[in-house]
Amino acid sequence: MWHFVQDHSDYVEKGSSYERRPDCEKKYDCGTWTGANDISVEDSFVWIGSNTPVTFTNWTGANPDDDMVTEDLDCVEIFYDSTWNDRPCPHLEPFICEK
């Protein structure tokens, strides 16, 4: 499921800078994956690279809102306004790496 870049990069974690993608017109159409997820334990978000707990969050609206009815929303995306959303992990989006 996870594909890491071979130049020793990892998914971005808290405290890293993030710039708005230039192709974003609508907030909810332009998410970018972070490395946060709650795949192992529901509502216990960790960073995929270090497996450390997520201690800072900036959820948008009522998120995280894993309804478990239509899809399991386990992975975290960030929008250009720096708010977060939970979404199904197989959803195709760009991701942020850091060195």
N, C-alpha and C. Protein backbone atom coordinates (compact mmCIF):
# COMPACT_ATOMS: atom_id res chain seq x y z
N MET A 1 0.81 -1.19 0.00
CA MET A 1 0.00 0.00 0.00
C MET A 1 0.86 1.26 0.00
N TRP A 2 1.92 1.30 0.79
CA TRP A 2 2.75 2.51 0.90
C TRP A 2 3.97 2.37 0.00
N HIS A 3 4.28 3.42 -0.73
CA HIS A 3 5.43 3.42 -1.62
C HIS A 3 6.36 4.57 -1.22
N PHE A 4 7.55 4.24 -0.79
CA PHE A 4 8.49 5.26 -0.35
C PHE A 4 9.50 5.55 -1.45
N VAL A 5 9.89 6.79 -1.54
CA VAL A 5 10.87 7.22 -2.52
C VAL A 5 12.24 6.67 -2.11
N GLN A 6 13.02 6.26 -3.08
CA GLN A 6 14.30 5.62 -2.80
C GLN A 6 15.43 6.58 -2.41
N ASP A 7 15.13 7.85 -2.22
CA ASP A 7 16.18 8.81 -1.85
C ASP A 7 16.13 9.15 -0.37
N HIS A 8 15.64 8.23 0.44
CA HIS A 8 15.57 8.37 1.90
C HIS A 8 14.55 9.41 2.33
N SER A 9 13.56 9.66 1.51
CA SER A 9 12.47 10.55 1.89
C SER A 9 11.42 9.75 2.63
N ASP A 10 10.55 10.44 3.31
CA ASP A 10 9.46 9.80 4.03
C ASP A 10 8.24 10.70 3.93
N TYR A 11 7.07 10.17 4.31
CA TYR A 11 5.89 11.01 4.34
C TYR A 11 6.10 12.15 5.32
N VAL A 12 5.53 13.29 5.02
CA VAL A 12 5.69 14.45 5.87
C VAL A 12 4.98 14.22 7.21
N GLU A 13 5.57 14.74 8.27
CA GLU A 13 4.97 14.69 9.60
C GLU A 13 4.78 16.12 10.09
N LYS A 14 4.20 16.26 11.26
CA LYS A 14 3.91 17.58 11.82
C LYS A 14 5.14 18.47 11.84
N GLY A 15 4.90 19.75 11.77
CA GLY A 15 5.98 20.71 11.84
C GLY A 15 6.64 20.99 10.52
N SER A 16 6.25 20.33 9.46
CA SER A 16 6.83 20.57 8.15
C SER A 16 6.00 21.59 7.39
N SER A 17 6.65 22.35 6.54
CA SER A 17 5.92 23.36 5.77
C SER A 17 5.16 22.71 4.62
N TYR A 18 4.11 23.38 4.19
CA TYR A 18 3.28 22.87 3.11
C TYR A 18 2.77 24.06 2.31
N GLU A 19 2.91 24.00 1.01
CA GLU A 19 2.43 25.08 0.15
C GLU A 19 1.25 24.60 -0.66
N ARG A 20 0.37 25.53 -1.00
CA ARG A 20 -0.82 25.19 -1.80
C ARG A 20 -0.41 24.70 -3.17
N ARG A 21 -1.04 23.62 -3.61
CA ARG A 21 -0.80 23.12 -4.96
C ARG A 21 -1.35 24.13 -5.95
N PRO A 22 -0.60 24.44 -6.99
CA PRO A 22 -1.04 25.47 -7.94
C PRO A 22 -2.27 25.07 -8.75
N ASP A 23 -2.60 23.79 -8.84
CA ASP A 23 -3.74 23.35 -9.63
C ASP A 23 -5.04 23.27 -8.82
N CYS A 24 -5.05 23.75 -7.58
CA CYS A 24 -6.22 23.63 -6.72
C CYS A 24 -7.19 24.79 -6.93
N GLU A 25 -8.40 24.43 -7.29
CA GLU A 25 -9.48 25.41 -7.41
C GLU A 25 -10.46 25.24 -6.25
N LYS A 26 -10.85 24.00 -5.99
CA LYS A 26 -11.80 23.70 -4.93
C LYS A 26 -11.08 22.93 -3.82
N LYS A 27 -11.28 23.37 -2.61
CA LYS A 27 -10.61 22.78 -1.45
C LYS A 27 -10.73 21.26 -1.40
N TYR A 28 -11.94 20.72 -1.51
CA TYR A 28 -12.15 19.29 -1.31
C TYR A 28 -11.72 18.44 -2.50
N ASP A 29 -11.35 19.07 -3.60
CA ASP A 29 -10.85 18.33 -4.76
C ASP A 29 -9.33 18.30 -4.80
N CYS A 30 -8.70 18.95 -3.86
CA CYS A 30 -7.25 19.11 -3.92
C CYS A 30 -6.55 18.71 -2.64
N GLY A 31 -6.84 17.54 -2.14
CA GLY A 31 -6.14 17.06 -0.97
C GLY A 31 -4.78 16.49 -1.35
N THR A 32 -3.90 16.45 -0.38
CA THR A 32 -2.58 15.85 -0.54
C THR A 32 -2.34 14.97 0.68
N TRP A 33 -1.89 13.74 0.43
CA TRP A 33 -1.69 12.82 1.55
C TRP A 33 -0.59 13.32 2.49
N THR A 34 -0.85 13.15 3.77
CA THR A 34 0.20 13.27 4.79
C THR A 34 0.57 11.84 5.15
N GLY A 35 1.37 11.66 6.16
CA GLY A 35 1.71 10.30 6.58
C GLY A 35 0.90 9.83 7.76
N ALA A 36 -0.20 10.52 8.09
CA ALA A 36 -1.00 10.15 9.25
C ALA A 36 -2.09 9.17 8.86
N ASN A 37 -2.37 8.21 9.76
CA ASN A 37 -3.44 7.24 9.52
C ASN A 37 -3.86 6.60 10.83
N ASP A 38 -5.05 5.97 10.79
CA ASP A 38 -5.52 5.19 11.93
C ASP A 38 -5.89 3.78 11.47
N ILE A 39 -5.06 3.21 10.63
CA ILE A 39 -5.30 1.88 10.07
C ILE A 39 -5.32 0.80 11.16
N SER A 40 -4.38 0.86 12.07
CA SER A 40 -4.26 -0.19 13.10
C SER A 40 -5.34 -0.10 14.17
N VAL A 41 -5.55 1.10 14.69
CA VAL A 41 -6.52 1.31 15.77
C VAL A 41 -7.36 2.53 15.42
N GLU A 42 -8.66 2.33 15.28
CA GLU A 42 -9.56 3.42 14.91
C GLU A 42 -9.46 4.58 15.90
N ASP A 43 -9.32 5.79 15.34
CA ASP A 43 -9.21 7.06 16.09
C ASP A 43 -7.90 7.21 16.85
N SER A 44 -6.91 6.35 16.59
CA SER A 44 -5.57 6.51 17.16
C SER A 44 -4.62 6.74 15.99
N PHE A 45 -4.47 7.99 15.62
CA PHE A 45 -3.68 8.34 14.44
C PHE A 45 -2.18 8.32 14.76
N VAL A 46 -1.42 7.73 13.85
CA VAL A 46 0.04 7.67 13.96
C VAL A 46 0.64 8.11 12.62
N TRP A 47 1.93 8.48 12.67
CA TRP A 47 2.68 8.81 11.46
C TRP A 47 3.26 7.54 10.89
N ILE A 48 3.01 7.27 9.62
CA ILE A 48 3.39 6.01 8.99
C ILE A 48 4.91 5.78 9.02
N GLY A 49 5.71 6.82 8.85
CA GLY A 49 7.16 6.66 8.80
C GLY A 49 7.78 6.28 10.12
N SER A 50 7.33 6.91 11.20
CA SER A 50 7.93 6.70 12.52
C SER A 50 7.03 5.91 13.47
N ASN A 51 5.77 5.72 13.10
CA ASN A 51 4.78 5.05 13.92
C ASN A 51 4.58 5.75 15.27
N THR A 52 4.85 7.06 15.31
CA THR A 52 4.63 7.83 16.53
C THR A 52 3.23 8.43 16.50
N PRO A 53 2.63 8.64 17.65
CA PRO A 53 1.27 9.19 17.71
C PRO A 53 1.21 10.61 17.13
N VAL A 54 0.11 10.91 16.49
CA VAL A 54 -0.15 12.26 16.00
C VAL A 54 -0.62 13.08 17.20
N THR A 55 0.12 14.11 17.54
CA THR A 55 -0.23 14.92 18.71
C THR A 55 -0.83 16.27 18.33
N PHE A 56 -0.62 16.72 17.11
CA PHE A 56 -1.23 17.95 16.61
C PHE A 56 -2.19 17.58 15.50
N THR A 57 -3.38 18.17 15.51
CA THR A 57 -4.33 17.96 14.42
C THR A 57 -4.95 19.29 14.03
N ASN A 58 -5.47 19.34 12.83
CA ASN A 58 -6.15 20.54 12.34
C ASN A 58 -7.32 20.10 11.45
N TRP A 59 -8.23 19.31 12.02
CA TRP A 59 -9.33 18.74 11.26
C TRP A 59 -10.26 19.82 10.75
N THR A 60 -10.81 19.58 9.57
CA THR A 60 -11.82 20.47 9.01
C THR A 60 -13.20 19.96 9.39
N GLY A 61 -14.09 20.85 9.78
CA GLY A 61 -15.46 20.47 10.11
C GLY A 61 -15.56 19.42 11.20
N ALA A 62 -16.33 18.38 10.94
CA ALA A 62 -16.58 17.32 11.92
C ALA A 62 -15.61 16.15 11.80
N ASN A 63 -14.54 16.32 11.10
CA ASN A 63 -13.56 15.25 10.90
C ASN A 63 -12.72 15.04 12.15
N PRO A 64 -12.19 13.85 12.37
CA PRO A 64 -12.36 12.68 11.53
C PRO A 64 -13.77 12.11 11.68
N ASP A 65 -14.33 11.68 10.56
CA ASP A 65 -15.73 11.23 10.58
C ASP A 65 -15.89 9.86 9.92
N ASP A 66 -15.07 8.93 10.29
CA ASP A 66 -15.11 7.59 9.71
C ASP A 66 -16.47 6.96 9.98
N ASP A 67 -17.34 7.00 8.96
CA ASP A 67 -18.70 6.50 9.16
C ASP A 67 -18.80 4.98 9.06
N MET A 68 -17.78 4.32 8.50
CA MET A 68 -17.72 2.86 8.39
C MET A 68 -18.91 2.28 7.62
N VAL A 69 -19.75 3.12 7.04
CA VAL A 69 -20.90 2.64 6.29
C VAL A 69 -20.54 2.49 4.82
N THR A 70 -20.02 3.56 4.23
CA THR A 70 -19.68 3.51 2.82
C THR A 70 -18.23 3.10 2.60
N GLU A 71 -17.32 3.68 3.35
CA GLU A 71 -15.89 3.38 3.20
C GLU A 71 -15.18 3.60 4.52
N ASP A 72 -14.08 2.90 4.71
CA ASP A 72 -13.26 3.08 5.90
C ASP A 72 -12.30 4.23 5.65
N LEU A 73 -12.43 5.29 6.41
CA LEU A 73 -11.62 6.50 6.20
C LEU A 73 -10.45 6.48 7.17
N ASP A 74 -9.32 5.93 6.74
CA ASP A 74 -8.18 5.71 7.64
C ASP A 74 -6.97 6.61 7.38
N CYS A 75 -6.88 7.23 6.22
CA CYS A 75 -5.70 8.04 5.90
C CYS A 75 -6.04 9.52 5.91
N VAL A 76 -5.04 10.34 6.20
CA VAL A 76 -5.27 11.77 6.40
C VAL A 76 -4.68 12.57 5.24
N GLU A 77 -5.53 13.44 4.67
CA GLU A 77 -5.08 14.37 3.64
C GLU A 77 -5.10 15.78 4.22
N ILE A 78 -4.33 16.64 3.61
CA ILE A 78 -4.29 18.05 4.01
C ILE A 78 -4.75 18.88 2.81
N PHE A 79 -5.53 19.92 3.11
CA PHE A 79 -6.01 20.83 2.07
C PHE A 79 -5.12 22.06 2.02
N TYR A 80 -5.30 22.87 0.99
CA TYR A 80 -4.44 24.05 0.82
C TYR A 80 -4.61 25.08 1.93
N ASP A 81 -5.69 25.00 2.70
CA ASP A 81 -5.83 25.92 3.83
C ASP A 81 -5.26 25.31 5.12
N SER A 82 -4.55 24.20 4.98
CA SER A 82 -3.88 23.48 6.08
C SER A 82 -4.82 22.71 6.99
N THR A 83 -6.10 22.57 6.62
CA THR A 83 -7.01 21.74 7.41
C THR A 83 -6.91 20.30 6.93
N TRP A 84 -7.31 19.37 7.81
CA TRP A 84 -7.15 17.95 7.56
C TRP A 84 -8.50 17.27 7.32
N ASN A 85 -8.46 16.15 6.61
CA ASN A 85 -9.64 15.35 6.33
C ASN A 85 -9.22 13.88 6.34
N ASP A 86 -10.11 12.99 6.79
CA ASP A 86 -9.83 11.56 6.68
C ASP A 86 -10.53 11.02 5.44
N ARG A 87 -9.84 10.14 4.73
CA ARG A 87 -10.31 9.65 3.44
C ARG A 87 -9.86 8.20 3.28
N PRO A 88 -10.53 7.42 2.41
CA PRO A 88 -10.07 6.05 2.18
C PRO A 88 -8.64 6.02 1.65
N CYS A 89 -7.83 5.15 2.17
CA CYS A 89 -6.41 5.08 1.77
C CYS A 89 -6.20 4.79 0.28
N PRO A 90 -7.04 4.00 -0.38
CA PRO A 90 -6.80 3.73 -1.80
C PRO A 90 -7.08 4.92 -2.72
N HIS A 91 -7.65 6.01 -2.19
CA HIS A 91 -7.93 7.18 -3.01
C HIS A 91 -6.62 7.74 -3.57
N LEU A 92 -6.58 7.98 -4.88
CA LEU A 92 -5.35 8.47 -5.53
C LEU A 92 -5.18 9.97 -5.35
N GLU A 93 -4.09 10.36 -4.70
CA GLU A 93 -3.74 11.76 -4.50
C GLU A 93 -2.22 11.87 -4.46
N PRO A 94 -1.70 13.06 -4.73
CA PRO A 94 -0.26 13.24 -4.51
C PRO A 94 0.05 13.16 -3.01
N PHE A 95 1.30 12.96 -2.67
CA PHE A 95 1.68 12.94 -1.28
C PHE A 95 2.88 13.83 -1.06
N ILE A 96 3.10 14.20 0.17
CA ILE A 96 4.18 15.10 0.54
C ILE A 96 5.30 14.26 1.14
N CYS A 97 6.53 14.48 0.68
CA CYS A 97 7.69 13.81 1.27
C CYS A 97 8.61 14.85 1.88
N GLU A 98 9.40 14.41 2.82
CA GLU A 98 10.41 15.28 3.43
C GLU A 98 11.68 14.46 3.62
N LYS A 99 12.79 15.14 3.66
CA LYS A 99 14.09 14.48 3.87
C LYS A 99 14.62 14.84 5.23
